[in-house]
Amino acid sequence: MIELFDVSDNVLGFKMDGSISPQEFDEIVKKVDKKVIDAEGRKLRVYAEIVELGMIPPEKFIDNIKFKFKHFKDFEKEAVVSDKKWLNTFISVTEKFFPSIEAKTFSFEEKDEALKWVQS
């Protein structure tokens, strides 16, 4: 399950708890594409709360990779809120593939700090 919400004009928020269905994936793509278009060239930011990280549908795996490469220049900052310690390592590895996106992890106790950081 994934829930998308706007934090501010340039910050897209989402909360993930478990696996994503193919329909949810397609809906996310549509919403992010619209947010990018509405930003009119301004860089966007992401605020992500990850309770449980489930699977992306196998048929959407390639679409996910294409999506990330299509939009990586549209984003500049990402705050990831989770109590999953392994995400710290994952985020530091993905930063090497997308060096133009500054990413930082926070615990759920640090949600307020994460929101402030991603908006600053």
C-alpha atoms as a PDB file:
ATOM      1  CA  MET A   1       0.000   0.000   0.000  1.00  0.00           C
ATOM      2  CA  ILE A   2       1.238   3.437  -0.868  1.00  0.00           C
ATOM      3  CA  GLU A   3      -0.315   6.791  -0.106  1.00  0.00           C
ATOM      4  CA  LEU A   4       0.777   9.962  -1.907  1.00  0.00           C
ATOM      5  CA  PHE A   5       0.268  13.457  -0.518  1.00  0.00           C
ATOM      6  CA  ASP A   6       1.581  16.962  -1.104  1.00  0.00           C
ATOM      7  CA  VAL A   7       3.760  18.424   1.639  1.00  0.00           C
ATOM      8  CA  SER A   8       4.193  21.765  -0.150  1.00  0.00           C
ATOM      9  CA  ASP A   9       4.371  23.086  -3.706  1.00  0.00           C
ATOM     10  CA  ASN A  10       7.739  21.496  -4.349  1.00  0.00           C
ATOM     11  CA  VAL A  11       7.642  18.537  -1.916  1.00  0.00           C
ATOM     12  CA  LEU A  12       5.862  15.324  -2.803  1.00  0.00           C
ATOM     13  CA  GLY A  13       5.148  13.056   0.146  1.00  0.00           C
ATOM     14  CA  PHE A  14       4.364   9.393   0.277  1.00  0.00           C
ATOM     15  CA  LYS A  15       3.863   6.702   2.865  1.00  0.00           C
ATOM     16  CA  MET A  16       4.619   3.080   2.029  1.00  0.00           C
ATOM     17  CA  ASP A  17       3.480   0.136   4.093  1.00  0.00           C
ATOM     18  CA  GLY A  18       3.923  -3.170   2.279  1.00  0.00           C
ATOM     19  CA  SER A  19       3.837  -4.149  -1.358  1.00  0.00           C
ATOM     20  CA  ILE A  20       2.629  -2.017  -4.252  1.00  0.00           C
ATOM     21  CA  SER A  21       0.058  -3.318  -6.719  1.00  0.00           C
ATOM     22  CA  PRO A  22       0.492  -2.716 -10.474  1.00  0.00           C
ATOM     23  CA  GLN A  23      -2.431  -0.268 -10.323  1.00  0.00           C
ATOM     24  CA  GLU A  24      -0.854   1.661  -7.443  1.00  0.00           C
ATOM     25  CA  PHE A  25       2.433   1.845  -9.347  1.00  0.00           C
ATOM     26  CA  ASP A  26       0.692   3.256 -12.438  1.00  0.00           C
ATOM     27  CA  GLU A  27      -1.167   5.798 -10.285  1.00  0.00           C
ATOM     28  CA  ILE A  28       2.084   6.925  -8.650  1.00  0.00           C
ATOM     29  CA  VAL A  29       3.697   7.426 -12.056  1.00  0.00           C
ATOM     30  CA  LYS A  30       0.770   9.585 -13.207  1.00  0.00           C
ATOM     31  CA  LYS A  31       0.853  11.732 -10.054  1.00  0.00           C
ATOM     32  CA  VAL A  32       4.619  12.259 -10.145  1.00  0.00           C
ATOM     33  CA  ASP A  33       4.537  13.089 -13.851  1.00  0.00           C
ATOM     34  CA  LYS A  34       1.823  15.690 -13.140  1.00  0.00           C
ATOM     35  CA  LYS A  35       3.806  17.142 -10.222  1.00  0.00           C
ATOM     36  CA  VAL A  36       6.883  17.480 -12.473  1.00  0.00           C
ATOM     37  CA  ILE A  37       4.844  19.208 -15.185  1.00  0.00           C
ATOM     38  CA  ASP A  38       3.216  21.526 -12.631  1.00  0.00           C
ATOM     39  CA  ALA A  39       6.660  22.428 -11.240  1.00  0.00           C
ATOM     40  CA  GLU A  40       7.526  24.071 -14.572  1.00  0.00           C
ATOM     41  CA  GLY A  41      11.212  23.250 -14.418  1.00  0.00           C
ATOM     42  CA  ARG A  42      11.697  23.760 -10.682  1.00  0.00           C
ATOM     43  CA  LYS A  43      13.419  20.921  -8.852  1.00  0.00           C
ATOM     44  CA  LEU A  44      11.194  18.845  -6.596  1.00  0.00           C
ATOM     45  CA  ARG A  45      11.813  17.145  -3.292  1.00  0.00           C
ATOM     46  CA  VAL A  46      10.514  13.926  -1.747  1.00  0.00           C
ATOM     47  CA  TYR A  47       9.416  13.178   1.796  1.00  0.00           C
ATOM     48  CA  ALA A  48       9.008   9.405   2.224  1.00  0.00           C
ATOM     49  CA  GLU A  49       7.745   7.461   5.221  1.00  0.00           C
ATOM     50  CA  ILE A  50       8.533   3.767   4.888  1.00  0.00           C
ATOM     51  CA  VAL A  51       6.842   1.563   7.462  1.00  0.00           C
ATOM     52  CA  GLU A  52       7.370  -1.713   5.594  1.00  0.00           C
ATOM     53  CA  LEU A  53       9.036  -1.924   2.221  1.00  0.00           C
ATOM     54  CA  GLY A  54       7.257  -4.487   0.108  1.00  0.00           C
ATOM     55  CA  MET A  55       7.781  -5.650  -3.415  1.00  0.00           C
ATOM     56  CA  ILE A  56       7.249  -3.833  -6.668  1.00  0.00           C
ATOM     57  CA  PRO A  57       5.263  -6.039  -9.055  1.00  0.00           C
ATOM     58  CA  PRO A  58       7.681  -7.991 -11.271  1.00  0.00           C
ATOM     59  CA  GLU A  59       5.982  -6.683 -14.404  1.00  0.00           C
ATOM     60  CA  LYS A  60       6.673  -3.123 -13.190  1.00  0.00           C
ATOM     61  CA  PHE A  61      10.345  -3.611 -12.284  1.00  0.00           C
ATOM     62  CA  ILE A  62      11.657  -2.349 -15.656  1.00  0.00           C
ATOM     63  CA  ASP A  63       9.076   0.474 -15.629  1.00  0.00           C
ATOM     64  CA  ASN A  64      10.418   1.496 -12.203  1.00  0.00           C
ATOM     65  CA  ILE A  65      13.993   1.723 -13.505  1.00  0.00           C
ATOM     66  CA  LYS A  66      12.879   3.730 -16.556  1.00  0.00           C
ATOM     67  CA  PHE A  67      10.834   6.010 -14.306  1.00  0.00           C
ATOM     68  CA  LYS A  68      13.798   6.720 -12.027  1.00  0.00           C
ATOM     69  CA  PHE A  69      16.120   7.562 -14.892  1.00  0.00           C
ATOM     70  CA  LYS A  70      13.459   9.695 -16.572  1.00  0.00           C
ATOM     71  CA  HIS A  71      12.965  11.852 -13.470  1.00  0.00           C
ATOM     72  CA  PHE A  72      16.242  11.854 -11.550  1.00  0.00           C
ATOM     73  CA  LYS A  73      17.096  15.349 -12.818  1.00  0.00           C
ATOM     74  CA  ASP A  74      13.704  16.618 -11.672  1.00  0.00           C
ATOM     75  CA  PHE A  75      14.504  16.047  -7.989  1.00  0.00           C
ATOM     76  CA  GLU A  76      17.083  17.606  -5.683  1.00  0.00           C
ATOM     77  CA  LYS A  77      16.383  16.310  -2.172  1.00  0.00           C
ATOM     78  CA  GLU A  78      14.858  13.276  -0.461  1.00  0.00           C
ATOM     79  CA  ALA A  79      14.091  12.682   3.205  1.00  0.00           C
ATOM     80  CA  VAL A  80      13.433   9.028   4.061  1.00  0.00           C
ATOM     81  CA  VAL A  81      11.741   8.340   7.394  1.00  0.00           C
ATOM     82  CA  SER A  82      11.944   4.749   8.579  1.00  0.00           C
ATOM     83  CA  ASP A  83      13.083   2.600  11.453  1.00  0.00           C
ATOM     84  CA  LYS A  84      14.621   0.101   9.008  1.00  0.00           C
ATOM     85  CA  LYS A  85      18.365   0.441   9.620  1.00  0.00           C
ATOM     86  CA  TRP A  86      19.296  -1.206   6.312  1.00  0.00           C
ATOM     87  CA  LEU A  87      17.722   1.745   4.473  1.00  0.00           C
ATOM     88  CA  ASN A  88      20.640   3.931   5.614  1.00  0.00           C
ATOM     89  CA  THR A  89      22.990   1.737   3.584  1.00  0.00           C
ATOM     90  CA  PHE A  90      20.578   1.541   0.655  1.00  0.00           C
ATOM     91  CA  ILE A  91      20.208   5.339   0.525  1.00  0.00           C
ATOM     92  CA  SER A  92      23.973   5.898   0.629  1.00  0.00           C
ATOM     93  CA  VAL A  93      24.442   3.423  -2.258  1.00  0.00           C
ATOM     94  CA  THR A  94      21.682   4.959  -4.401  1.00  0.00           C
ATOM     95  CA  GLU A  95      23.163   8.427  -3.837  1.00  0.00           C
ATOM     96  CA  LYS A  96      26.165   7.263  -5.847  1.00  0.00           C
ATOM     97  CA  PHE A  97      23.895   6.519  -8.840  1.00  0.00           C
ATOM     98  CA  PHE A  98      21.997   9.799  -8.467  1.00  0.00           C
ATOM     99  CA  PRO A  99      24.546  12.284  -7.062  1.00  0.00           C
ATOM    100  CA  SER A 100      22.367  15.276  -7.941  1.00  0.00           C
ATOM    101  CA  ILE A 101      19.791  14.177  -5.326  1.00  0.00           C
ATOM    102  CA  GLU A 102      20.743  14.887  -1.721  1.00  0.00           C
ATOM    103  CA  ALA A 103      19.226  12.156   0.455  1.00  0.00           C
ATOM    104  CA  LYS A 104      19.096  11.671   4.187  1.00  0.00           C
ATOM    105  CA  THR A 105      17.446   9.115   6.472  1.00  0.00           C
ATOM    106  CA  PHE A 106      15.543   9.825   9.673  1.00  0.00           C
ATOM    107  CA  SER A 107      13.799   7.706  12.298  1.00  0.00           C
ATOM    108  CA  PHE A 108      10.059   8.051  12.920  1.00  0.00           C
ATOM    109  CA  GLU A 109      10.936   9.980  16.075  1.00  0.00           C
ATOM    110  CA  GLU A 110      12.662  12.523  13.803  1.00  0.00           C
ATOM    111  CA  LYS A 111       9.704  13.088  11.425  1.00  0.00           C
ATOM    112  CA  ASP A 112       9.470  16.800  12.231  1.00  0.00           C
ATOM    113  CA  GLU A 113      13.197  17.244  11.615  1.00  0.00           C
ATOM    114  CA  ALA A 114      12.882  15.351   8.302  1.00  0.00           C
ATOM    115  CA  LEU A 115      10.075  17.632   7.138  1.00  0.00           C
ATOM    116  CA  LYS A 116      12.063  20.741   8.046  1.00  0.00           C
ATOM    117  CA  TRP A 117      15.201  19.407   6.348  1.00  0.00           C
ATOM    118  CA  VAL A 118      13.491  18.465   3.076  1.00  0.00           C
ATOM    119  CA  GLN A 119      11.803  21.860   2.860  1.00  0.00           C
ATOM    120  CA  SER A 120      14.938  23.913   3.628  1.00  0.00           C
END
